[in-house]
PDB file of N, CA and C in Angstrom:
ATOM      1  N   MET A   1     109.343 108.049 161.279  1.00  0.00           N
ATOM      2  CA  MET A   1     109.918 108.908 162.168  1.00  0.00           C
ATOM      3  C   MET A   1     111.313 109.521 161.735  1.00  0.00           C
ATOM      4  N   HIS A   2     111.414 110.837 161.693  1.00  0.00           N
ATOM      5  CA  HIS A   2     112.618 111.489 161.233  1.00  0.00           C
ATOM      6  C   HIS A   2     113.460 111.825 162.389  1.00  0.00           C
ATOM      7  N   ASP A   3     114.780 111.908 162.129  1.00  0.00           N
ATOM      8  CA  ASP A   3     115.680 112.312 163.342  1.00  0.00           C
ATOM      9  C   ASP A   3     115.563 113.838 163.479  1.00  0.00           C
ATOM     10  N   ARG A   4     116.171 114.348 164.418  1.00  0.00           N
ATOM     11  CA  ARG A   4     116.293 115.737 164.899  1.00  0.00           C
ATOM     12  C   ARG A   4     117.274 116.454 163.983  1.00  0.00           C
ATOM     13  N   PRO A   5     117.041 117.703 163.596  1.00  0.00           N
ATOM     14  CA  PRO A   5     115.982 118.541 164.114  1.00  0.00           C
ATOM     15  C   PRO A   5     114.848 118.280 163.304  1.00  0.00           C
ATOM     16  N   THR A   6     113.643 118.342 163.918  1.00  0.00           N
ATOM     17  CA  THR A   6     112.320 118.196 163.203  1.00  0.00           C
ATOM     18  C   THR A   6     112.116 119.255 162.192  1.00  0.00           C
ATOM     19  N   GLN A   7     111.041 119.179 161.437  1.00  0.00           N
ATOM     20  CA  GLN A   7     110.635 120.214 160.494  1.00  0.00           C
ATOM     21  C   GLN A   7     110.218 121.523 161.312  1.00  0.00           C
ATOM     22  N   ALA A   8     109.514 121.260 162.419  1.00  0.00           N
ATOM     23  CA  ALA A   8     109.310 122.441 163.203  1.00  0.00           C
ATOM     24  C   ALA A   8     110.441 123.200 163.728  1.00  0.00           C
ATOM     25  N   GLU A   9     111.360 122.432 164.363  1.00  0.00           N
ATOM     26  CA  GLU A   9     112.681 122.934 164.757  1.00  0.00           C
ATOM     27  C   GLU A   9     113.378 123.699 163.718  1.00  0.00           C
ATOM     28  N   LEU A  10     113.621 123.004 162.464  1.00  0.00           N
ATOM     29  CA  LEU A  10     114.152 123.773 161.289  1.00  0.00           C
ATOM     30  C   LEU A  10     113.497 125.146 161.139  1.00  0.00           C
ATOM     31  N   LEU A  11     112.125 125.188 161.054  1.00  0.00           N
ATOM     32  CA  LEU A  11     111.547 126.326 160.886  1.00  0.00           C
ATOM     33  C   LEU A  11     111.740 127.418 162.012  1.00  0.00           C
ATOM     34  N   ASP A  12     111.853 126.862 163.254  1.00  0.00           N
ATOM     35  CA  ASP A  12     112.253 127.873 164.397  1.00  0.00           C
ATOM     36  C   ASP A  12     113.655 128.348 164.192  1.00  0.00           C
ATOM     37  N   ILE A  13     114.641 127.612 163.756  1.00  0.00           N
ATOM     38  CA  ILE A  13     115.936 128.061 163.304  1.00  0.00           C
ATOM     39  C   ILE A  13     115.923 129.180 162.233  1.00  0.00           C
ATOM     40  N   ILE A  14     115.069 128.750 161.192  1.00  0.00           N
ATOM     41  CA  ILE A  14     115.073 129.874 160.093  1.00  0.00           C
ATOM     42  C   ILE A  14     114.483 131.149 160.692  1.00  0.00           C
ATOM     43  N   ALA A  15     113.403 131.141 161.521  1.00  0.00           N
ATOM     44  CA  ALA A  15     112.826 132.364 162.070  1.00  0.00           C
ATOM     45  C   ALA A  15     113.863 133.001 162.754  1.00  0.00           C
ATOM     46  N   GLU A  16     114.496 132.254 163.809  1.00  0.00           N
ATOM     47  CA  GLU A  16     115.479 132.925 164.574  1.00  0.00           C
ATOM     48  C   GLU A  16     116.710 133.642 163.769  1.00  0.00           C
ATOM     49  N   THR A  17     117.096 132.925 162.696  1.00  0.00           N
ATOM     50  CA  THR A  17     118.195 133.486 161.894  1.00  0.00           C
ATOM     51  C   THR A  17     117.699 134.826 161.129  1.00  0.00           C
ATOM     52  N   LEU A  18     116.471 134.598 160.667  1.00  0.00           N
ATOM     53  CA  LEU A  18     115.988 135.966 160.082  1.00  0.00           C
ATOM     54  C   LEU A  18     115.798 136.996 161.076  1.00  0.00           C
ATOM     55  N   ARG A  19     115.382 136.898 162.193  1.00  0.00           N
ATOM     56  CA  ARG A  19     115.113 137.855 163.261  1.00  0.00           C
ATOM     57  C   ARG A  19     116.451 138.385 163.625  1.00  0.00           C
ATOM     58  N   GLU A  20     117.365 137.505 164.089  1.00  0.00           N
ATOM     59  CA  GLU A  20     118.542 137.946 164.815  1.00  0.00           C
ATOM     60  C   GLU A  20     119.736 138.282 163.765  1.00  0.00           C
ATOM     61  N   THR A  21     119.806 137.695 162.532  1.00  0.00           N
ATOM     62  CA  THR A  21     120.850 138.073 161.759  1.00  0.00           C
ATOM     63  C   THR A  21     120.501 138.833 160.448  1.00  0.00           C
ATOM     64  N   VAL A  22     119.461 138.377 159.791  1.00  0.00           N
ATOM     65  CA  VAL A  22     119.126 138.945 158.543  1.00  0.00           C
ATOM     66  C   VAL A  22     118.448 140.268 158.634  1.00  0.00           C
ATOM     67  N   VAL A  23     117.450 140.535 159.555  1.00  0.00           N
ATOM     68  CA  VAL A  23     116.814 141.783 159.711  1.00  0.00           C
ATOM     69  C   VAL A  23     117.634 142.758 160.055  1.00  0.00           C
ATOM     70  N   PRO A  24     118.582 142.762 161.219  1.00  0.00           N
ATOM     71  CA  PRO A  24     119.555 143.844 161.395  1.00  0.00           C
ATOM     72  C   PRO A  24     120.459 144.122 160.184  1.00  0.00           C
ATOM     73  N   ALA A  25     120.729 143.221 159.357  1.00  0.00           N
ATOM     74  CA  ALA A  25     121.792 143.495 158.259  1.00  0.00           C
ATOM     75  C   ALA A  25     120.986 143.886 157.069  1.00  0.00           C
ATOM     76  N   THR A  26     119.768 143.855 156.980  1.00  0.00           N
ATOM     77  CA  THR A  26     119.054 144.204 155.832  1.00  0.00           C
ATOM     78  C   THR A  26     118.853 145.650 155.741  1.00  0.00           C
ATOM     79  N   ALA A  27     118.710 146.196 154.393  1.00  0.00           N
ATOM     80  CA  ALA A  27     118.288 147.443 154.071  1.00  0.00           C
ATOM     81  C   ALA A  27     117.107 147.875 154.775  1.00  0.00           C
ATOM     82  N   PRO A  28     116.858 149.110 155.358  1.00  0.00           N
ATOM     83  CA  PRO A  28     115.564 149.462 155.882  1.00  0.00           C
ATOM     84  C   PRO A  28     114.303 149.173 155.170  1.00  0.00           C
ATOM     85  N   HIS A  29     114.392 149.331 153.808  1.00  0.00           N
ATOM     86  CA  HIS A  29     113.175 149.058 152.960  1.00  0.00           C
ATOM     87  C   HIS A  29     112.738 147.566 152.920  1.00  0.00           C
ATOM     88  N   ALA A  30     113.627 146.815 153.281  1.00  0.00           N
ATOM     89  CA  ALA A  30     113.384 145.118 153.216  1.00  0.00           C
ATOM     90  C   ALA A  30     113.199 144.595 154.568  1.00  0.00           C
ATOM     91  N   ARG A  31     113.336 145.260 155.630  1.00  0.00           N
ATOM     92  CA  ARG A  31     113.322 144.699 156.969  1.00  0.00           C
ATOM     93  C   ARG A  31     111.922 144.205 157.242  1.00  0.00           C
ATOM     94  N   HIS A  32     110.929 145.023 156.890  1.00  0.00           N
ATOM     95  CA  HIS A  32     109.578 144.496 157.126  1.00  0.00           C
ATOM     96  C   HIS A  32     109.250 143.085 156.394  1.00  0.00           C
ATOM     97  N   GLN A  33     109.803 142.914 155.120  1.00  0.00           N
ATOM     98  CA  GLN A  33     109.606 141.583 154.617  1.00  0.00           C
ATOM     99  C   GLN A  33     110.197 140.587 155.220  1.00  0.00           C
ATOM    100  N   ALA A  34     111.540 140.894 155.845  1.00  0.00           N
ATOM    101  CA  ALA A  34     112.237 139.810 156.510  1.00  0.00           C
ATOM    102  C   ALA A  34     111.401 139.416 157.739  1.00  0.00           C
ATOM    103  N   ARG A  35     110.926 140.535 158.550  1.00  0.00           N
ATOM    104  CA  ARG A  35     110.235 140.199 159.738  1.00  0.00           C
ATOM    105  C   ARG A  35     109.034 139.375 159.432  1.00  0.00           C
ATOM    106  N   ILE A  36     108.346 139.651 158.382  1.00  0.00           N
ATOM    107  CA  ILE A  36     107.068 138.837 157.962  1.00  0.00           C
ATOM    108  C   ILE A  36     107.439 137.421 157.657  1.00  0.00           C
ATOM    109  N   ALA A  37     108.585 137.157 157.061  1.00  0.00           N
ATOM    110  CA  ALA A  37     109.167 135.813 156.726  1.00  0.00           C
ATOM    111  C   ALA A  37     109.401 135.118 157.972  1.00  0.00           C
ATOM    112  N   ALA A  38     110.090 135.716 158.870  1.00  0.00           N
ATOM    113  CA  ALA A  38     110.375 135.192 160.242  1.00  0.00           C
ATOM    114  C   ALA A  38     109.098 134.717 160.873  1.00  0.00           C
ATOM    115  N   ASN A  39     108.149 135.653 161.037  1.00  0.00           N
ATOM    116  CA  ASN A  39     106.880 135.334 161.609  1.00  0.00           C
ATOM    117  C   ASN A  39     106.125 134.129 160.992  1.00  0.00           C
ATOM    118  N   LEU A  40     106.169 134.180 159.637  1.00  0.00           N
ATOM    119  CA  LEU A  40     105.423 133.005 158.953  1.00  0.00           C
ATOM    120  C   LEU A  40     106.151 131.871 159.233  1.00  0.00           C
ATOM    121  N   CYS A  41     107.558 131.720 159.415  1.00  0.00           N
ATOM    122  CA  CYS A  41     108.215 130.466 159.669  1.00  0.00           C
ATOM    123  C   CYS A  41     107.857 130.156 161.069  1.00  0.00           C
ATOM    124  N   ALA A  42     107.815 130.965 162.021  1.00  0.00           N
ATOM    125  CA  ALA A  42     107.384 130.775 163.431  1.00  0.00           C
ATOM    126  C   ALA A  42     105.854 130.179 163.484  1.00  0.00           C
ATOM    127  N   VAL A  43     104.867 130.855 162.653  1.00  0.00           N
ATOM    128  CA  VAL A  43     103.549 130.282 162.633  1.00  0.00           C
ATOM    129  C   VAL A  43     103.647 128.844 162.345  1.00  0.00           C
ATOM    130  N   LEU A  44     104.309 128.650 161.085  1.00  0.00           N
ATOM    131  CA  LEU A  44     104.209 127.184 160.510  1.00  0.00           C
ATOM    132  C   LEU A  44     104.995 126.217 161.556  1.00  0.00           C
ATOM    133  N   ALA A  45     105.944 126.640 162.278  1.00  0.00           N
ATOM    134  CA  ALA A  45     106.667 125.768 163.288  1.00  0.00           C
ATOM    135  C   ALA A  45     105.601 125.447 164.398  1.00  0.00           C
ATOM    136  N   ARG A  46     104.807 126.480 164.884  1.00  0.00           N
ATOM    137  CA  ARG A  46     103.815 126.220 165.889  1.00  0.00           C
ATOM    138  C   ARG A  46     102.827 125.290 165.424  1.00  0.00           C
ATOM    139  N   GLU A  47     102.301 125.291 164.148  1.00  0.00           N
ATOM    140  CA  GLU A  47     101.303 124.585 163.563  1.00  0.00           C
ATOM    141  C   GLU A  47     101.751 123.117 163.534  1.00  0.00           C
ATOM    142  N   MET A  48     102.953 122.784 163.056  1.00  0.00           N
ATOM    143  CA  MET A  48     103.489 121.645 162.957  1.00  0.00           C
ATOM    144  C   MET A  48     103.736 120.997 164.297  1.00  0.00           C
ATOM    145  N   ALA A  49     104.031 121.892 165.356  1.00  0.00           N
ATOM    146  CA  ALA A  49     104.318 121.122 166.700  1.00  0.00           C
ATOM    147  C   ALA A  49     103.036 121.142 167.539  1.00  0.00           C
ATOM    148  N   ASP A  50     101.957 121.715 166.918  1.00  0.00           N
ATOM    149  CA  ASP A  50     100.754 121.828 167.784  1.00  0.00           C
ATOM    150  C   ASP A  50     100.169 120.355 168.194  1.00  0.00           C
ATOM    151  N   THR A  51     100.044 120.174 169.475  1.00  0.00           N
ATOM    152  CA  THR A  51      99.602 118.992 170.116  1.00  0.00           C
ATOM    153  C   THR A  51      98.123 118.964 170.284  1.00  0.00           C
ATOM    154  N   HIS A  52      97.427 119.986 170.099  1.00  0.00           N
ATOM    155  CA  HIS A  52      95.953 120.015 170.127  1.00  0.00           C
ATOM    156  C   HIS A  52      95.310 119.339 168.964  1.00  0.00           C
ATOM    157  N   ASN A  53      94.075 118.814 169.249  1.00  0.00           N
ATOM    158  CA  ASN A  53      93.454 118.128 168.110  1.00  0.00           C
ATOM    159  C   ASN A  53      92.135 118.835 167.834  1.00  0.00           C
ATOM    160  N   PRO A  54      92.076 119.836 166.845  1.00  0.00           N
ATOM    161  CA  PRO A  54      90.926 120.595 166.542  1.00  0.00           C
ATOM    162  C   PRO A  54      89.789 119.659 166.112  1.00  0.00           C
ATOM    163  N   ALA A  55      90.237 118.559 165.494  1.00  0.00           N
ATOM    164  CA  ALA A  55      89.092 117.688 164.998  1.00  0.00           C
ATOM    165  C   ALA A  55      88.283 117.055 165.995  1.00  0.00           C
ATOM    166  N   THR A  56      88.804 116.730 167.150  1.00  0.00           N
ATOM    167  CA  THR A  56      88.202 116.243 168.330  1.00  0.00           C
ATOM    168  C   THR A  56      87.103 117.458 168.845  1.00  0.00           C
ATOM    169  N   ILE A  57      87.615 118.514 169.008  1.00  0.00           N
ATOM    170  CA  ILE A  57      86.826 119.537 169.553  1.00  0.00           C
ATOM    171  C   ILE A  57      85.733 119.826 168.567  1.00  0.00           C
ATOM    172  N   MET A  58      85.936 119.781 167.246  1.00  0.00           N
ATOM    173  CA  MET A  58      84.961 120.041 166.104  1.00  0.00           C
ATOM    174  C   MET A  58      83.799 118.993 166.232  1.00  0.00           C
ATOM    175  N   ARG A  59      84.322 117.793 166.557  1.00  0.00           N
ATOM    176  CA  ARG A  59      83.255 116.671 166.684  1.00  0.00           C
ATOM    177  C   ARG A  59      82.585 116.888 167.856  1.00  0.00           C
ATOM    178  N   ARG A  60      83.097 117.346 169.128  1.00  0.00           N
ATOM    179  CA  ARG A  60      82.201 117.563 170.200  1.00  0.00           C
ATOM    180  C   ARG A  60      81.242 118.781 169.931  1.00  0.00           C
ATOM    181  N   LEU A  61      81.780 119.788 169.178  1.00  0.00           N
ATOM    182  CA  LEU A  61      80.911 120.866 168.908  1.00  0.00           C
ATOM    183  C   LEU A  61      79.655 120.318 168.070  1.00  0.00           C
ATOM    184  N   GLU A  62      79.932 119.542 166.987  1.00  0.00           N
ATOM    185  CA  GLU A  62      78.974 118.985 166.178  1.00  0.00           C
ATOM    186  C   GLU A  62      77.794 118.318 167.056  1.00  0.00           C
ATOM    187  N   ILE A  63      78.419 117.410 168.005  1.00  0.00           N
ATOM    188  CA  ILE A  63      77.518 116.712 168.913  1.00  0.00           C
ATOM    189  C   ILE A  63      76.636 117.782 169.667  1.00  0.00           C
ATOM    190  N   ALA A  64      77.350 118.720 170.209  1.00  0.00           N
ATOM    191  CA  ALA A  64      76.628 119.745 170.988  1.00  0.00           C
ATOM    192  C   ALA A  64      75.554 120.438 170.380  1.00  0.00           C
ATOM    193  N   LEU A  65      75.609 120.592 169.039  1.00  0.00           N
ATOM    194  CA  LEU A  65      74.803 121.220 168.175  1.00  0.00           C
ATOM    195  C   LEU A  65      73.683 120.269 167.429  1.00  0.00           C
ATOM    196  N   GLY A  66      73.843 118.956 167.803  1.00  0.00           N
ATOM    197  CA  GLY A  66      72.843 117.999 167.198  1.00  0.00           C
ATOM    198  C   GLY A  66      73.291 117.710 165.775  1.00  0.00           C
ATOM    199  N   LEU A  67      74.436 117.812 165.206  1.00  0.00           N
ATOM    200  CA  LEU A  67      74.731 117.647 163.885  1.00  0.00           C
ATOM    201  C   LEU A  67      75.411 116.238 163.656  1.00  0.00           C
ATOM    202  N   PRO A  68      75.078 115.642 162.482  1.00  0.00           N
ATOM    203  CA  PRO A  68      75.770 114.263 162.314  1.00  0.00           C
ATOM    204  C   PRO A  68      77.335 114.453 161.994  1.00  0.00           C
ATOM    205  N   ALA A  69      77.927 113.426 162.303  1.00  0.00           N
ATOM    206  CA  ALA A  69      79.475 113.462 162.160  1.00  0.00           C
ATOM    207  C   ALA A  69      79.893 113.976 160.660  1.00  0.00           C
ATOM    208  N   GLY A  70      80.947 114.892 160.738  1.00  0.00           N
ATOM    209  CA  GLY A  70      81.474 115.419 159.588  1.00  0.00           C
ATOM    210  C   GLY A  70      80.416 116.336 158.781  1.00  0.00           C
ATOM    211  N   HIS A  71      79.562 116.908 159.452  1.00  0.00           N
ATOM    212  CA  HIS A  71      78.646 117.877 158.833  1.00  0.00           C
ATOM    213  C   HIS A  71      79.189 119.112 158.376  1.00  0.00           C
ATOM    214  N   GLY A  72      79.988 119.157 157.415  1.00  0.00           N
ATOM    215  CA  GLY A  72      80.517 120.294 156.637  1.00  0.00           C
ATOM    216  C   GLY A  72      81.604 121.061 157.586  1.00  0.00           C
ATOM    217  N   GLY A  73      82.212 120.427 158.411  1.00  0.00           N
ATOM    218  CA  GLY A  73      83.234 121.087 159.374  1.00  0.00           C
ATOM    219  C   GLY A  73      82.727 122.513 159.879  1.00  0.00           C
ATOM    220  N   ILE A  74      83.516 123.427 159.861  1.00  0.00           N
ATOM    221  CA  ILE A  74      83.375 124.791 160.392  1.00  0.00           C
ATOM    222  C   ILE A  74      82.106 125.425 159.734  1.00  0.00           C
ATOM    223  N   ASP A  75      82.030 125.094 158.302  1.00  0.00           N
ATOM    224  CA  ASP A  75      80.981 125.689 157.636  1.00  0.00           C
ATOM    225  C   ASP A  75      79.551 125.228 158.194  1.00  0.00           C
ATOM    226  N   GLY A  76      79.556 123.913 158.242  1.00  0.00           N
ATOM    227  CA  GLY A  76      78.180 123.372 158.783  1.00  0.00           C
ATOM    228  C   GLY A  76      77.890 123.853 160.226  1.00  0.00           C
ATOM    229  N   VAL A  77      78.991 123.821 160.959  1.00  0.00           N
ATOM    230  CA  VAL A  77      78.810 124.340 162.471  1.00  0.00           C
ATOM    231  C   VAL A  77      78.291 125.940 162.395  1.00  0.00           C
ATOM    232  N   THR A  78      78.979 126.615 161.558  1.00  0.00           N
ATOM    233  CA  THR A  78      78.621 128.137 161.309  1.00  0.00           C
ATOM    234  C   THR A  78      77.252 128.232 160.976  1.00  0.00           C
ATOM    235  N   ARG A  79      76.724 127.441 159.931  1.00  0.00           N
ATOM    236  CA  ARG A  79      75.362 127.456 159.366  1.00  0.00           C
ATOM    237  C   ARG A  79      74.326 127.063 160.360  1.00  0.00           C
ATOM    238  N   GLN A  80      74.776 126.016 161.284  1.00  0.00           N
ATOM    239  CA  GLN A  80      73.847 125.728 162.311  1.00  0.00           C
ATOM    240  C   GLN A  80      73.762 126.605 163.376  1.00  0.00           C
ATOM    241  N   LEU A  81      74.831 127.272 163.701  1.00  0.00           N
ATOM    242  CA  LEU A  81      74.686 128.300 164.717  1.00  0.00           C
ATOM    243  C   LEU A  81      73.874 129.523 164.285  1.00  0.00           C
ATOM    244  N   ARG A  82      73.941 129.786 162.885  1.00  0.00           N
ATOM    245  CA  ARG A  82      73.188 130.898 162.395  1.00  0.00           C
ATOM    246  C   ARG A  82      71.690 130.517 162.349  1.00  0.00           C
ATOM    247  N   LEU A  83      71.323 129.310 162.131  1.00  0.00           N
ATOM    248  CA  LEU A  83      69.982 128.827 161.991  1.00  0.00           C
ATOM    249  C   LEU A  83      69.370 128.369 163.264  1.00  0.00           C
ATOM    250  N   GLY A  84      70.188 127.982 164.046  1.00  0.00           N
ATOM    251  CA  GLY A  84      69.639 127.268 165.312  1.00  0.00           C
ATOM    252  C   GLY A  84      69.252 128.035 166.573  1.00  0.00           C
ATOM    253  N   GLY A  85      69.322 129.425 166.468  1.00  0.00           N
ATOM    254  CA  GLY A  85      68.950 130.218 167.515  1.00  0.00           C
ATOM    255  C   GLY A  85      70.118 130.300 168.508  1.00  0.00           C
ATOM    256  N   ALA A  86      69.840 130.520 169.629  1.00  0.00           N
ATOM    257  CA  ALA A  86      70.900 130.608 170.812  1.00  0.00           C
ATOM    258  C   ALA A  86      71.746 129.336 171.053  1.00  0.00           C
ATOM    259  N   PRO A  87      73.014 129.278 171.042  1.00  0.00           N
ATOM    260  CA  PRO A  87      73.841 128.078 171.144  1.00  0.00           C
ATOM    261  C   PRO A  87      73.945 127.809 172.569  1.00  0.00           C
ATOM    262  N   THR A  88      74.134 126.641 172.952  1.00  0.00           N
ATOM    263  CA  THR A  88      74.245 126.165 174.334  1.00  0.00           C
ATOM    264  C   THR A  88      75.502 126.690 174.913  1.00  0.00           C
ATOM    265  N   SER A  89      75.662 126.706 176.258  1.00  0.00           N
ATOM    266  CA  SER A  89      76.900 127.184 176.946  1.00  0.00           C
ATOM    267  C   SER A  89      78.098 126.237 176.524  1.00  0.00           C
ATOM    268  N   GLU A  90      77.784 124.956 176.209  1.00  0.00           N
ATOM    269  CA  GLU A  90      78.835 124.020 175.842  1.00  0.00           C
ATOM    270  C   GLU A  90      79.227 124.349 174.435  1.00  0.00           C
ATOM    271  N   ALA A  91      78.507 124.795 173.460  1.00  0.00           N
ATOM    272  CA  ALA A  91      78.830 125.104 172.235  1.00  0.00           C
ATOM    273  C   ALA A  91      79.634 126.336 172.202  1.00  0.00           C
ATOM    274  N   ILE A  92      79.186 127.345 172.977  1.00  0.00           N
ATOM    275  CA  ILE A  92      79.968 128.628 173.022  1.00  0.00           C
ATOM    276  C   ILE A  92      81.396 128.297 173.490  1.00  0.00           C
ATOM    277  N   GLU A  93      81.510 127.509 174.708  1.00  0.00           N
ATOM    278  CA  GLU A  93      82.833 127.067 175.284  1.00  0.00           C
ATOM    279  C   GLU A  93      83.853 126.353 174.127  1.00  0.00           C
ATOM    280  N   LEU A  94      83.102 125.533 173.417  1.00  0.00           N
ATOM    281  CA  LEU A  94      83.900 124.757 172.438  1.00  0.00           C
ATOM    282  C   LEU A  94      84.482 125.667 171.298  1.00  0.00           C
ATOM    283  N   VAL A  95      83.496 126.577 170.930  1.00  0.00           N
ATOM    284  CA  VAL A  95      83.959 127.689 169.742  1.00  0.00           C
ATOM    285  C   VAL A  95      85.008 128.493 170.432  1.00  0.00           C
ATOM    286  N   SER A  96      84.945 128.858 171.640  1.00  0.00           N
ATOM    287  CA  SER A  96      85.988 129.659 172.287  1.00  0.00           C
ATOM    288  C   SER A  96      87.262 128.910 172.395  1.00  0.00           C
ATOM    289  N   GLU A  97      87.206 127.531 172.692  1.00  0.00           N
ATOM    290  CA  GLU A  97      88.422 126.715 172.789  1.00  0.00           C
ATOM    291  C   GLU A  97      89.105 126.609 171.304  1.00  0.00           C
ATOM    292  N   LEU A  98      88.232 126.477 170.177  1.00  0.00           N
ATOM    293  CA  LEU A  98      88.716 126.339 168.946  1.00  0.00           C
ATOM    294  C   LEU A  98      89.506 127.666 168.535  1.00  0.00           C
ATOM    295  N   VAL A  99      88.979 128.842 168.949  1.00  0.00           N
ATOM    296  CA  VAL A  99      89.486 130.138 168.605  1.00  0.00           C
ATOM    297  C   VAL A  99      90.704 130.367 169.422  1.00  0.00           C
ATOM    298  N   ARG A 100      90.778 129.912 170.638  1.00  0.00           N
ATOM    299  CA  ARG A 100      92.036 130.020 171.524  1.00  0.00           C
ATOM    300  C   ARG A 100      92.991 129.115 171.001  1.00  0.00           C
ATOM    301  N   MET A 101      92.673 127.923 170.411  1.00  0.00           N
ATOM    302  CA  MET A 101      93.613 127.136 169.767  1.00  0.00           C
ATOM    303  C   MET A 101      94.416 127.716 168.573  1.00  0.00           C
ATOM    304  N   LYS A 102      93.440 128.435 167.830  1.00  0.00           N
ATOM    305  CA  LYS A 102      93.993 128.968 166.637  1.00  0.00           C
ATOM    306  C   LYS A 102      94.924 130.229 166.999  1.00  0.00           C
ATOM    307  N   LEU A 103      94.485 130.918 167.859  1.00  0.00           N
ATOM    308  CA  LEU A 103      95.330 132.127 168.429  1.00  0.00           C
ATOM    309  C   LEU A 103      96.632 131.634 168.983  1.00  0.00           C
ATOM    310  N   ASP A 104      96.657 130.479 169.613  1.00  0.00           N
ATOM    311  CA  ASP A 104      97.804 130.008 170.261  1.00  0.00           C
ATOM    312  C   ASP A 104      98.961 129.771 169.101  1.00  0.00           C
ATOM    313  N   VAL A 105      98.425 129.344 167.830  1.00  0.00           N
ATOM    314  CA  VAL A 105      99.341 129.027 166.742  1.00  0.00           C
ATOM    315  C   VAL A 105      99.887 130.356 166.208  1.00  0.00           C
ATOM    316  N   VAL A 106      98.802 131.163 165.855  1.00  0.00           N
ATOM    317  CA  VAL A 106      99.053 132.379 164.994  1.00  0.00           C
ATOM    318  C   VAL A 106      99.774 133.500 165.812  1.00  0.00           C
ATOM    319  N   LYS A 107      99.239 133.617 167.081  1.00  0.00           N
ATOM    320  CA  LYS A 107      99.783 134.769 168.012  1.00  0.00           C
ATOM    321  C   LYS A 107      99.894 134.384 169.434  1.00  0.00           C
ATOM    322  N   PRO A 108     100.775 133.631 169.810  1.00  0.00           N
ATOM    323  CA  PRO A 108     100.915 133.038 171.141  1.00  0.00           C
ATOM    324  C   PRO A 108     100.782 134.037 172.279  1.00  0.00           C
ATOM    325  N   GLY A 109     100.080 133.749 173.168  1.00  0.00           N
ATOM    326  CA  GLY A 109      99.678 134.638 174.388  1.00  0.00           C
ATOM    327  C   GLY A 109      98.703 135.810 174.123  1.00  0.00           C
ATOM    328  N   TYR A 110      98.310 136.044 173.024  1.00  0.00           N
ATOM    329  CA  TYR A 110      97.215 136.863 172.714  1.00  0.00           C
ATOM    330  C   TYR A 110      95.926 136.661 173.509  1.00  0.00           C
ATOM    331  N   ASP A 111      95.604 135.442 173.366  1.00  0.00           N
ATOM    332  CA  ASP A 111      94.257 135.055 174.130  1.00  0.00           C
ATOM    333  C   ASP A 111      94.273 135.292 175.662  1.00  0.00           C
ATOM    334  N   GLN A 112      95.400 135.644 176.243  1.00  0.00           N
ATOM    335  CA  GLN A 112      95.514 135.872 177.551  1.00  0.00           C
ATOM    336  C   GLN A 112      95.002 137.230 178.063  1.00  0.00           C
ATOM    337  N   HIS A 113      94.994 138.089 176.979  1.00  0.00           N
ATOM    338  CA  HIS A 113      94.638 139.588 177.324  1.00  0.00           C
ATOM    339  C   HIS A 113      93.096 139.515 177.526  1.00  0.00           C
ATOM    340  N   GLY A 114      92.715 139.842 178.682  1.00  0.00           N
ATOM    341  CA  GLY A 114      91.329 139.884 179.129  1.00  0.00           C
ATOM    342  C   GLY A 114      90.604 138.495 179.174  1.00  0.00           C
ATOM    343  N   ALA A 115      91.355 137.326 179.212  1.00  0.00           N
ATOM    344  CA  ALA A 115      90.850 136.229 179.278  1.00  0.00           C
ATOM    345  C   ALA A 115      89.924 135.844 180.394  1.00  0.00           C
ATOM    346  N   GLU A 116      90.188 136.399 181.525  1.00  0.00           N
ATOM    347  CA  GLU A 116      89.470 136.130 182.754  1.00  0.00           C
ATOM    348  C   GLU A 116      88.028 136.882 182.669  1.00  0.00           C
ATOM    349  N   ALA A 117      88.035 137.883 182.128  1.00  0.00           N
ATOM    350  CA  ALA A 117      86.757 138.777 181.991  1.00  0.00           C
ATOM    351  C   ALA A 117      85.927 138.108 180.929  1.00  0.00           C
ATOM    352  N   GLU A 118      86.566 137.659 179.770  1.00  0.00           N
ATOM    353  CA  GLU A 118      85.809 136.968 178.752  1.00  0.00           C
ATOM    354  C   GLU A 118      85.146 135.607 179.265  1.00  0.00           C
ATOM    355  N   HIS A 119      85.896 134.890 180.101  1.00  0.00           N
ATOM    356  CA  HIS A 119      85.390 133.548 180.616  1.00  0.00           C
ATOM    357  C   HIS A 119      84.319 133.916 181.622  1.00  0.00           C
ATOM    358  N   ALA A 120      84.270 135.065 182.269  1.00  0.00           N
ATOM    359  CA  ALA A 120      83.199 135.168 183.252  1.00  0.00           C
ATOM    360  C   ALA A 120      82.140 135.718 182.501  1.00  0.00           C
ATOM    361  N   ALA A 121      82.310 136.388 181.326  1.00  0.00           N
ATOM    362  CA  ALA A 121      81.091 136.700 180.614  1.00  0.00           C
ATOM    363  C   ALA A 121      80.351 135.595 179.838  1.00  0.00           C
ATOM    364  N   VAL A 122      81.150 134.403 179.462  1.00  0.00           N
ATOM    365  CA  VAL A 122      80.638 133.332 178.918  1.00  0.00           C
ATOM    366  C   VAL A 122      79.956 132.335 179.909  1.00  0.00           C
ATOM    367  N   SER A 123      80.351 132.359 181.207  1.00  0.00           N
ATOM    368  CA  SER A 123      79.989 131.536 182.245  1.00  0.00           C
ATOM    369  C   SER A 123      78.603 131.969 182.793  1.00  0.00           C
TER     370      SER A 123
END
């Protein structure tokens, strides 16, 4: 166990410094790269702080598809979905949950756009 600030907190500080101090003080032709660096730091911080456990959801998805444990991860699941015909509603919900988890790390709040309509279509 490390003391604070944590690795995720340090990345947040770097991202904020880049956004608030470096980008405004940077020549116009380099601002885009500074924003990209800030966004990458923010993504890494969210990945490190992520409390979700995609492995648990992946295992539930393997079970829902009738696959043995550790059957190739996402590649095995994808292969089974392609070969197995129409997936169950549980499998669809689990895939949606995995995608939402990934979006929450990469682009927080993005999955909320049209989420109610999407959920109604899946149900």
